[in-house]
Amino acid sequence: MTAGPAFAAITAAARYPVFTGTMSGCDGGYDLDLDTLFEFGLKPFLDGIALIVEDPPSRSP
């Protein structure tokens, strides 16, 4: 992993305690399923657009 040293520096820094705490639970490693992450971000985005398309905000003159 080419970003390993940078990742280690971020998790060791006191500046990001929540991130560090979250990552400490991943001592055995982690698996990032990019398709799942993409869908996780895309679905709420498209749901928001659908709300606007279905009921567009009224424009005031």
PDB file of N, CA and C in Angstrom:
ATOM      1  N   MET A   1       0.860  -1.179   0.000  1.00  0.00           N
ATOM      2  CA  MET A   1       0.000   0.000   0.000  1.00  0.00           C
ATOM      3  C   MET A   1       0.899   1.232   0.000  1.00  0.00           C
ATOM      4  N   THR A   2       0.799   2.035  -1.008  1.00  0.00           N
ATOM      5  CA  THR A   2       1.673   3.194  -1.123  1.00  0.00           C
ATOM      6  C   THR A   2       1.287   4.314  -0.169  1.00  0.00           C
ATOM      7  N   ALA A   3       0.054   4.340   0.267  1.00  0.00           N
ATOM      8  CA  ALA A   3      -0.392   5.390   1.181  1.00  0.00           C
ATOM      9  C   ALA A   3      -0.216   4.983   2.641  1.00  0.00           C
ATOM     10  N   GLY A   4       0.378   3.841   2.880  1.00  0.00           N
ATOM     11  CA  GLY A   4       0.542   3.322   4.233  1.00  0.00           C
ATOM     12  C   GLY A   4       1.200   4.278   5.210  1.00  0.00           C
ATOM     13  N   PRO A   5       2.342   4.873   4.858  1.00  0.00           N
ATOM     14  CA  PRO A   5       2.980   5.801   5.791  1.00  0.00           C
ATOM     15  C   PRO A   5       2.117   7.036   6.104  1.00  0.00           C
ATOM     16  N   ALA A   6       1.462   7.562   5.096  1.00  0.00           N
ATOM     17  CA  ALA A   6       0.594   8.728   5.329  1.00  0.00           C
ATOM     18  C   ALA A   6      -0.591   8.339   6.208  1.00  0.00           C
ATOM     19  N   PHE A   7      -1.164   7.179   5.955  1.00  0.00           N
ATOM     20  CA  PHE A   7      -2.291   6.697   6.750  1.00  0.00           C
ATOM     21  C   PHE A   7      -1.870   6.501   8.197  1.00  0.00           C
ATOM     22  N   ALA A   8      -0.698   5.923   8.402  1.00  0.00           N
ATOM     23  CA  ALA A   8      -0.189   5.711   9.761  1.00  0.00           C
ATOM     24  C   ALA A   8       0.034   7.036  10.478  1.00  0.00           C
ATOM     25  N   ALA A   9       0.514   8.037   9.760  1.00  0.00           N
ATOM     26  CA  ALA A   9       0.747   9.349  10.370  1.00  0.00           C
ATOM     27  C   ALA A   9      -0.577  10.006  10.777  1.00  0.00           C
ATOM     28  N   ILE A  10      -1.599   9.868   9.939  1.00  0.00           N
ATOM     29  CA  ILE A  10      -2.902  10.453  10.264  1.00  0.00           C
ATOM     30  C   ILE A  10      -3.509   9.779  11.486  1.00  0.00           C
ATOM     31  N   THR A  11      -3.453   8.454  11.534  1.00  0.00           N
ATOM     32  CA  THR A  11      -4.059   7.742  12.668  1.00  0.00           C
ATOM     33  C   THR A  11      -3.274   7.940  13.954  1.00  0.00           C
ATOM     34  N   ALA A  12      -2.001   8.267  13.849  1.00  0.00           N
ATOM     35  CA  ALA A  12      -1.188   8.495  15.045  1.00  0.00           C
ATOM     36  C   ALA A  12      -1.324   9.924  15.567  1.00  0.00           C
ATOM     37  N   ALA A  13      -1.795  10.832  14.738  1.00  0.00           N
ATOM     38  CA  ALA A  13      -1.905  12.243  15.131  1.00  0.00           C
ATOM     39  C   ALA A  13      -3.073  12.431  16.093  1.00  0.00           C
ATOM     40  N   ALA A  14      -2.902  13.282  17.052  1.00  0.00           N
ATOM     41  CA  ALA A  14      -3.967  13.574  18.016  1.00  0.00           C
ATOM     42  C   ALA A  14      -5.041  14.481  17.409  1.00  0.00           C
ATOM     43  N   ARG A  15      -4.795  14.975  16.211  1.00  0.00           N
ATOM     44  CA  ARG A  15      -5.713  15.924  15.576  1.00  0.00           C
ATOM     45  C   ARG A  15      -7.037  15.269  15.169  1.00  0.00           C
ATOM     46  N   TYR A  16      -7.033  13.965  14.918  1.00  0.00           N
ATOM     47  CA  TYR A  16      -8.220  13.260  14.446  1.00  0.00           C
ATOM     48  C   TYR A  16      -8.579  12.105  15.375  1.00  0.00           C
ATOM     49  N   PRO A  17      -9.012  12.384  16.591  1.00  0.00           N
ATOM     50  CA  PRO A  17      -9.246  11.303  17.557  1.00  0.00           C
ATOM     51  C   PRO A  17     -10.386  10.361  17.167  1.00  0.00           C
ATOM     52  N   VAL A  18     -11.431  10.868  16.547  1.00  0.00           N
ATOM     53  CA  VAL A  18     -12.542   9.992  16.163  1.00  0.00           C
ATOM     54  C   VAL A  18     -12.096   9.037  15.063  1.00  0.00           C
ATOM     55  N   PHE A  19     -11.391   9.571  14.075  1.00  0.00           N
ATOM     56  CA  PHE A  19     -10.875   8.725  12.996  1.00  0.00           C
ATOM     57  C   PHE A  19      -9.909   7.678  13.558  1.00  0.00           C
ATOM     58  N   THR A  20      -9.037   8.103  14.432  1.00  0.00           N
ATOM     59  CA  THR A  20      -8.077   7.183  15.032  1.00  0.00           C
ATOM     60  C   THR A  20      -8.789   6.093  15.816  1.00  0.00           C
ATOM     61  N   GLY A  21      -9.812   6.475  16.566  1.00  0.00           N
ATOM     62  CA  GLY A  21     -10.581   5.488  17.320  1.00  0.00           C
ATOM     63  C   GLY A  21     -11.304   4.503  16.420  1.00  0.00           C
ATOM     64  N   THR A  22     -11.846   5.016  15.328  1.00  0.00           N
ATOM     65  CA  THR A  22     -12.535   4.144  14.382  1.00  0.00           C
ATOM     66  C   THR A  22     -11.564   3.167  13.740  1.00  0.00           C
ATOM     67  N   MET A  23     -10.422   3.658  13.329  1.00  0.00           N
ATOM     68  CA  MET A  23      -9.437   2.805  12.669  1.00  0.00           C
ATOM     69  C   MET A  23      -8.782   1.808  13.619  1.00  0.00           C
ATOM     70  N   SER A  24      -8.764   2.120  14.913  1.00  0.00           N
ATOM     71  CA  SER A  24      -8.171   1.174  15.860  1.00  0.00           C
ATOM     72  C   SER A  24      -8.987  -0.116  15.930  1.00  0.00           C
ATOM     73  N   GLY A  25     -10.250  -0.040  15.558  1.00  0.00           N
ATOM     74  CA  GLY A  25     -11.085  -1.239  15.510  1.00  0.00           C
ATOM     75  C   GLY A  25     -10.817  -2.091  14.282  1.00  0.00           C
ATOM     76  N   CYS A  26      -9.965  -1.622  13.387  1.00  0.00           N
ATOM     77  CA  CYS A  26      -9.657  -2.341  12.148  1.00  0.00           C
ATOM     78  C   CYS A  26      -8.258  -2.943  12.187  1.00  0.00           C
ATOM     79  N   ASP A  27      -7.823  -3.355  13.367  1.00  0.00           N
ATOM     80  CA  ASP A  27      -6.463  -3.885  13.501  1.00  0.00           C
ATOM     81  C   ASP A  27      -6.215  -5.099  12.611  1.00  0.00           C
ATOM     82  N   GLY A  28      -7.248  -5.873  12.366  1.00  0.00           N
ATOM     83  CA  GLY A  28      -7.095  -7.055  11.518  1.00  0.00           C
ATOM     84  C   GLY A  28      -7.180  -6.731  10.045  1.00  0.00           C
ATOM     85  N   GLY A  29      -7.269  -5.452   9.711  1.00  0.00           N
ATOM     86  CA  GLY A  29      -7.401  -5.034   8.323  1.00  0.00           C
ATOM     87  C   GLY A  29      -8.840  -4.643   8.013  1.00  0.00           C
ATOM     88  N   TYR A  30      -9.029  -4.217   6.841  1.00  0.00           N
ATOM     89  CA  TYR A  30     -10.363  -3.814   6.403  1.00  0.00           C
ATOM     90  C   TYR A  30     -10.467  -4.048   4.910  1.00  0.00           C
ATOM     91  N   ASP A  31     -11.685  -4.164   4.435  1.00  0.00           N
ATOM     92  CA  ASP A  31     -11.923  -4.416   3.023  1.00  0.00           C
ATOM     93  C   ASP A  31     -12.854  -3.330   2.508  1.00  0.00           C
ATOM     94  N   LEU A  32     -12.375  -2.541   1.590  1.00  0.00           N
ATOM     95  CA  LEU A  32     -13.189  -1.491   0.997  1.00  0.00           C
ATOM     96  C   LEU A  32     -13.783  -2.015  -0.305  1.00  0.00           C
ATOM     97  N   ASP A  33     -15.054  -2.304  -0.279  1.00  0.00           N
ATOM     98  CA  ASP A  33     -15.759  -2.723  -1.484  1.00  0.00           C
ATOM     99  C   ASP A  33     -16.194  -1.458  -2.207  1.00  0.00           C
ATOM    100  N   LEU A  34     -15.481  -1.093  -3.258  1.00  0.00           N
ATOM    101  CA  LEU A  34     -15.728   0.174  -3.928  1.00  0.00           C
ATOM    102  C   LEU A  34     -17.119   0.249  -4.541  1.00  0.00           C
ATOM    103  N   ASP A  35     -17.659  -0.861  -5.005  1.00  0.00           N
ATOM    104  CA  ASP A  35     -19.019  -0.844  -5.548  1.00  0.00           C
ATOM    105  C   ASP A  35     -20.027  -0.489  -4.461  1.00  0.00           C
ATOM    106  N   THR A  36     -19.850  -1.055  -3.280  1.00  0.00           N
ATOM    107  CA  THR A  36     -20.746  -0.757  -2.159  1.00  0.00           C
ATOM    108  C   THR A  36     -20.619   0.695  -1.736  1.00  0.00           C
ATOM    109  N   LEU A  37     -19.391   1.201  -1.659  1.00  0.00           N
ATOM    110  CA  LEU A  37     -19.193   2.601  -1.295  1.00  0.00           C
ATOM    111  C   LEU A  37     -19.800   3.543  -2.321  1.00  0.00           C
ATOM    112  N   PHE A  38     -19.643   3.211  -3.592  1.00  0.00           N
ATOM    113  CA  PHE A  38     -20.210   4.034  -4.652  1.00  0.00           C
ATOM    114  C   PHE A  38     -21.727   4.077  -4.546  1.00  0.00           C
ATOM    115  N   GLU A  39     -22.339   2.911  -4.367  1.00  0.00           N
ATOM    116  CA  GLU A  39     -23.794   2.841  -4.236  1.00  0.00           C
ATOM    117  C   GLU A  39     -24.264   3.583  -2.985  1.00  0.00           C
ATOM    118  N   PHE A  40     -23.510   3.465  -1.911  1.00  0.00           N
ATOM    119  CA  PHE A  40     -23.854   4.138  -0.652  1.00  0.00           C
ATOM    120  C   PHE A  40     -23.925   5.656  -0.850  1.00  0.00           C
ATOM    121  N   GLY A  41     -23.030   6.209  -1.637  1.00  0.00           N
ATOM    122  CA  GLY A  41     -23.036   7.643  -1.889  1.00  0.00           C
ATOM    123  C   GLY A  41     -24.001   8.050  -2.989  1.00  0.00           C
ATOM    124  N   LEU A  42     -24.136   7.208  -4.002  1.00  0.00           N
ATOM    125  CA  LEU A  42     -24.970   7.566  -5.151  1.00  0.00           C
ATOM    126  C   LEU A  42     -26.461   7.504  -4.838  1.00  0.00           C
ATOM    127  N   LYS A  43     -26.891   6.506  -4.091  1.00  0.00           N
ATOM    128  CA  LYS A  43     -28.328   6.340  -3.822  1.00  0.00           C
ATOM    129  C   LYS A  43     -28.939   7.561  -3.134  1.00  0.00           C
ATOM    130  N   PRO A  44     -28.386   8.074  -2.032  1.00  0.00           N
ATOM    131  CA  PRO A  44     -28.999   9.253  -1.413  1.00  0.00           C
ATOM    132  C   PRO A  44     -28.940  10.485  -2.323  1.00  0.00           C
ATOM    133  N   PHE A  45     -27.888  10.584  -3.118  1.00  0.00           N
ATOM    134  CA  PHE A  45     -27.769  11.699  -4.051  1.00  0.00           C
ATOM    135  C   PHE A  45     -28.908  11.653  -5.072  1.00  0.00           C
ATOM    136  N   LEU A  46     -29.119  10.488  -5.667  1.00  0.00           N
ATOM    137  CA  LEU A  46     -30.193  10.361  -6.655  1.00  0.00           C
ATOM    138  C   LEU A  46     -31.571  10.485  -6.013  1.00  0.00           C
ATOM    139  N   ASP A  47     -31.730   9.992  -4.788  1.00  0.00           N
ATOM    140  CA  ASP A  47     -33.004  10.153  -4.082  1.00  0.00           C
ATOM    141  C   ASP A  47     -33.319  11.633  -3.880  1.00  0.00           C
ATOM    142  N   GLY A  48     -32.300  12.432  -3.567  1.00  0.00           N
ATOM    143  CA  GLY A  48     -32.496  13.865  -3.394  1.00  0.00           C
ATOM    144  C   GLY A  48     -32.886  14.537  -4.688  1.00  0.00           C
ATOM    145  N   ILE A  49     -32.253  14.148  -5.780  1.00  0.00           N
ATOM    146  CA  ILE A  49     -32.616  14.712  -7.087  1.00  0.00           C
ATOM    147  C   ILE A  49     -34.036  14.320  -7.453  1.00  0.00           C
ATOM    148  N   ALA A  50     -34.427  13.087  -7.169  1.00  0.00           N
ATOM    149  CA  ALA A  50     -35.782  12.628  -7.474  1.00  0.00           C
ATOM    150  C   ALA A  50     -36.817  13.473  -6.747  1.00  0.00           C
ATOM    151  N   LEU A  51     -36.547  13.843  -5.507  1.00  0.00           N
ATOM    152  CA  LEU A  51     -37.488  14.685  -4.766  1.00  0.00           C
ATOM    153  C   LEU A  51     -37.672  16.042  -5.444  1.00  0.00           C
ATOM    154  N   ILE A  52     -36.587  16.585  -5.950  1.00  0.00           N
ATOM    155  CA  ILE A  52     -36.661  17.885  -6.625  1.00  0.00           C
ATOM    156  C   ILE A  52     -37.415  17.762  -7.942  1.00  0.00           C
ATOM    157  N   VAL A  53     -37.165  16.688  -8.676  1.00  0.00           N
ATOM    158  CA  VAL A  53     -37.829  16.493  -9.967  1.00  0.00           C
ATOM    159  C   VAL A  53     -39.320  16.250  -9.771  1.00  0.00           C
ATOM    160  N   GLU A  54     -39.678  15.453  -8.786  1.00  0.00           N
ATOM    161  CA  GLU A  54     -41.075  15.121  -8.539  1.00  0.00           C
ATOM    162  C   GLU A  54     -41.862  16.321  -8.000  1.00  0.00           C
ATOM    163  N   ASP A  55     -41.245  17.153  -7.209  1.00  0.00           N
ATOM    164  CA  ASP A  55     -41.922  18.301  -6.605  1.00  0.00           C
ATOM    165  C   ASP A  55     -40.964  19.488  -6.639  1.00  0.00           C
ATOM    166  N   PRO A  56     -40.806  20.113  -7.823  1.00  0.00           N
ATOM    167  CA  PRO A  56     -39.832  21.197  -7.929  1.00  0.00           C
ATOM    168  C   PRO A  56     -40.218  22.367  -7.039  1.00  0.00           C
ATOM    169  N   PRO A  57     -39.224  23.058  -6.493  1.00  0.00           N
ATOM    170  CA  PRO A  57     -39.527  24.228  -5.664  1.00  0.00           C
ATOM    171  C   PRO A  57     -40.159  25.320  -6.517  1.00  0.00           C
ATOM    172  N   SER A  58     -41.097  26.026  -5.924  1.00  0.00           N
ATOM    173  CA  SER A  58     -41.743  27.107  -6.690  1.00  0.00           C
ATOM    174  C   SER A  58     -40.787  28.277  -6.798  1.00  0.00           C
ATOM    175  N   ARG A  59     -40.857  28.933  -7.928  1.00  0.00           N
ATOM    176  CA  ARG A  59     -40.012  30.107  -8.154  1.00  0.00           C
ATOM    177  C   ARG A  59     -40.824  31.359  -7.889  1.00  0.00           C
ATOM    178  N   SER A  60     -40.253  32.236  -7.097  1.00  0.00           N
ATOM    179  CA  SER A  60     -40.955  33.491  -6.842  1.00  0.00           C
ATOM    180  C   SER A  60     -40.410  34.547  -7.787  1.00  0.00           C
ATOM    181  N   PRO A  61     -41.281  35.427  -8.299  1.00  0.00           N
ATOM    182  CA  PRO A  61     -40.862  36.420  -9.298  1.00  0.00           C
ATOM    183  C   PRO A  61     -39.934  37.467  -8.739  1.00  0.00           C
TER     184      PRO A  61
END
